[in-house]
Amino acid sequence: MRDRLDAAWVKGDWEAADTILFEAKAGPEWTEDLAVKRYAANVNQATAELKAGRFSSAEKWFNSALRINANGGEAKLGLQQVEQGMREQVRREA
């Protein structure tokens, strides 16, 4: 599991990393550091979606990160950026 996770992490394949970590959560290898990694993978995927202008997807990933760590400052800030991006998009399209 850790080799697959490391490979996904190096590639920046955050969605794959999240899937690997989600599957590992039910197993004996699960540790608190993996929960931290899963939070980071969700925030990283959300940030990539945000930068690409995919606000709905970014919002989903940031909310997923907050379900992992309700106090996650990065995810909370990211949701604010999503809202701002959505408002700017609506203004541009008006």
C-alpha atoms as a PDB file:
ATOM      1  CA  MET A   1       0.000   0.000   0.000  1.00  0.00           C
ATOM      2  CA  ARG A   2       2.725   2.466   0.922  1.00  0.00           C
ATOM      3  CA  ASP A   3       4.597   1.889  -2.343  1.00  0.00           C
ATOM      4  CA  ARG A   4       1.440   2.614  -4.354  1.00  0.00           C
ATOM      5  CA  LEU A   5       0.768   5.657  -2.203  1.00  0.00           C
ATOM      6  CA  ASP A   6       4.315   6.949  -2.643  1.00  0.00           C
ATOM      7  CA  ALA A   7       4.058   6.486  -6.416  1.00  0.00           C
ATOM      8  CA  ALA A   8       0.757   8.383  -6.588  1.00  0.00           C
ATOM      9  CA  TRP A   9       2.187  11.107  -4.343  1.00  0.00           C
ATOM     10  CA  VAL A  10       5.285  11.582  -6.504  1.00  0.00           C
ATOM     11  CA  LYS A  11       3.090  11.866  -9.620  1.00  0.00           C
ATOM     12  CA  GLY A  12       0.785  14.339  -7.916  1.00  0.00           C
ATOM     13  CA  ASP A  13      -2.112  11.978  -8.542  1.00  0.00           C
ATOM     14  CA  TRP A  14      -4.095  13.141  -5.533  1.00  0.00           C
ATOM     15  CA  GLU A  15      -7.283  11.341  -6.513  1.00  0.00           C
ATOM     16  CA  ALA A  16      -5.420   8.016  -6.652  1.00  0.00           C
ATOM     17  CA  ALA A  17      -3.696   8.818  -3.353  1.00  0.00           C
ATOM     18  CA  ASP A  18      -7.070   9.492  -1.755  1.00  0.00           C
ATOM     19  CA  THR A  19      -8.470   6.217  -3.080  1.00  0.00           C
ATOM     20  CA  ILE A  20      -5.493   4.246  -1.747  1.00  0.00           C
ATOM     21  CA  LEU A  21      -5.801   5.930   1.644  1.00  0.00           C
ATOM     22  CA  PHE A  22      -9.570   5.433   1.767  1.00  0.00           C
ATOM     23  CA  GLU A  23      -9.092   1.719   1.141  1.00  0.00           C
ATOM     24  CA  ALA A  24      -6.332   1.535   3.752  1.00  0.00           C
ATOM     25  CA  LYS A  25      -8.519   3.155   6.402  1.00  0.00           C
ATOM     26  CA  ALA A  26     -10.254  -0.141   7.145  1.00  0.00           C
ATOM     27  CA  GLY A  27      -7.014  -2.106   7.362  1.00  0.00           C
ATOM     28  CA  PRO A  28      -4.303  -2.759   9.907  1.00  0.00           C
ATOM     29  CA  GLU A  29      -1.860  -0.291   8.314  1.00  0.00           C
ATOM     30  CA  TRP A  30      -4.023   2.737   9.155  1.00  0.00           C
ATOM     31  CA  THR A  31      -2.255   5.304  11.312  1.00  0.00           C
ATOM     32  CA  GLU A  32      -2.863   8.920  12.190  1.00  0.00           C
ATOM     33  CA  ASP A  33      -0.130  10.042   9.776  1.00  0.00           C
ATOM     34  CA  LEU A  34      -2.139   8.444   6.961  1.00  0.00           C
ATOM     35  CA  ALA A  35      -5.164  10.515   7.986  1.00  0.00           C
ATOM     36  CA  VAL A  36      -2.979  13.608   7.697  1.00  0.00           C
ATOM     37  CA  LYS A  37      -1.822  12.456   4.265  1.00  0.00           C
ATOM     38  CA  ARG A  38      -5.415  11.835   3.178  1.00  0.00           C
ATOM     39  CA  TYR A  39      -6.370  15.362   4.244  1.00  0.00           C
ATOM     40  CA  ALA A  40      -3.395  16.733   2.289  1.00  0.00           C
ATOM     41  CA  ALA A  41      -4.287  14.696  -0.807  1.00  0.00           C
ATOM     42  CA  ASN A  42      -7.837  16.085  -0.723  1.00  0.00           C
ATOM     43  CA  VAL A  43      -6.599  19.659  -0.314  1.00  0.00           C
ATOM     44  CA  ASN A  44      -4.057  19.183  -3.111  1.00  0.00           C
ATOM     45  CA  GLN A  45      -6.702  17.789  -5.478  1.00  0.00           C
ATOM     46  CA  ALA A  46      -9.068  20.626  -4.549  1.00  0.00           C
ATOM     47  CA  THR A  47      -6.356  23.196  -5.192  1.00  0.00           C
ATOM     48  CA  ALA A  48      -5.651  21.714  -8.628  1.00  0.00           C
ATOM     49  CA  GLU A  49      -9.380  21.850  -9.437  1.00  0.00           C
ATOM     50  CA  LEU A  50      -9.568  25.443  -8.204  1.00  0.00           C
ATOM     51  CA  LYS A  51      -6.599  26.520 -10.337  1.00  0.00           C
ATOM     52  CA  ALA A  52      -8.259  24.895 -13.360  1.00  0.00           C
ATOM     53  CA  GLY A  53     -11.460  26.849 -12.692  1.00  0.00           C
ATOM     54  CA  ARG A  54     -13.472  23.747 -11.821  1.00  0.00           C
ATOM     55  CA  PHE A  55     -15.127  25.334  -8.814  1.00  0.00           C
ATOM     56  CA  SER A  56     -17.780  22.696  -8.169  1.00  0.00           C
ATOM     57  CA  SER A  57     -15.182  19.936  -8.089  1.00  0.00           C
ATOM     58  CA  ALA A  58     -12.855  22.030  -5.923  1.00  0.00           C
ATOM     59  CA  GLU A  59     -15.691  22.625  -3.468  1.00  0.00           C
ATOM     60  CA  LYS A  60     -16.367  18.876  -3.283  1.00  0.00           C
ATOM     61  CA  TRP A  61     -12.706  18.097  -2.541  1.00  0.00           C
ATOM     62  CA  PHE A  62     -12.325  20.884   0.047  1.00  0.00           C
ATOM     63  CA  ASN A  63     -15.481  19.660   1.807  1.00  0.00           C
ATOM     64  CA  SER A  64     -14.096  16.123   1.723  1.00  0.00           C
ATOM     65  CA  ALA A  65     -10.904  17.410   3.354  1.00  0.00           C
ATOM     66  CA  LEU A  66     -12.980  19.046   6.080  1.00  0.00           C
ATOM     67  CA  ARG A  67     -14.738  15.750   6.775  1.00  0.00           C
ATOM     68  CA  ILE A  68     -11.278  14.305   7.455  1.00  0.00           C
ATOM     69  CA  ASN A  69     -10.113  17.280   9.528  1.00  0.00           C
ATOM     70  CA  ALA A  70     -12.896  19.656  10.553  1.00  0.00           C
ATOM     71  CA  ASN A  71     -10.319  22.213  11.708  1.00  0.00           C
ATOM     72  CA  GLY A  72      -8.362  22.195   8.455  1.00  0.00           C
ATOM     73  CA  GLY A  73      -7.416  25.796   7.781  1.00  0.00           C
ATOM     74  CA  GLU A  74      -6.246  25.105   4.235  1.00  0.00           C
ATOM     75  CA  ALA A  75      -9.583  23.588   3.312  1.00  0.00           C
ATOM     76  CA  LYS A  76     -11.538  26.436   4.920  1.00  0.00           C
ATOM     77  CA  LEU A  77      -9.451  28.997   3.052  1.00  0.00           C
ATOM     78  CA  GLY A  78      -9.885  26.995  -0.138  1.00  0.00           C
ATOM     79  CA  LEU A  79     -13.672  27.112   0.200  1.00  0.00           C
ATOM     80  CA  GLN A  80     -13.464  30.899   0.513  1.00  0.00           C
ATOM     81  CA  GLN A  81     -11.403  30.982  -2.686  1.00  0.00           C
ATOM     82  CA  VAL A  82     -13.973  28.779  -4.415  1.00  0.00           C
ATOM     83  CA  GLU A  83     -16.759  31.180  -3.445  1.00  0.00           C
ATOM     84  CA  GLN A  84     -14.729  34.125  -4.692  1.00  0.00           C
ATOM     85  CA  GLY A  85     -13.963  32.343  -7.954  1.00  0.00           C
ATOM     86  CA  MET A  86     -17.622  31.496  -8.488  1.00  0.00           C
ATOM     87  CA  ARG A  87     -18.633  35.125  -7.887  1.00  0.00           C
ATOM     88  CA  GLU A  88     -16.007  36.350 -10.360  1.00  0.00           C
ATOM     89  CA  GLN A  89     -17.154  33.816 -12.924  1.00  0.00           C
ATOM     90  CA  VAL A  90     -20.771  34.956 -12.603  1.00  0.00           C
ATOM     91  CA  ARG A  91     -19.674  38.604 -13.045  1.00  0.00           C
ATOM     92  CA  ARG A  92     -17.684  37.733 -16.178  1.00  0.00           C
ATOM     93  CA  GLU A  93     -20.595  35.828 -17.661  1.00  0.00           C
ATOM     94  CA  ALA A  94     -23.123  38.573 -16.919  1.00  0.00           C
END
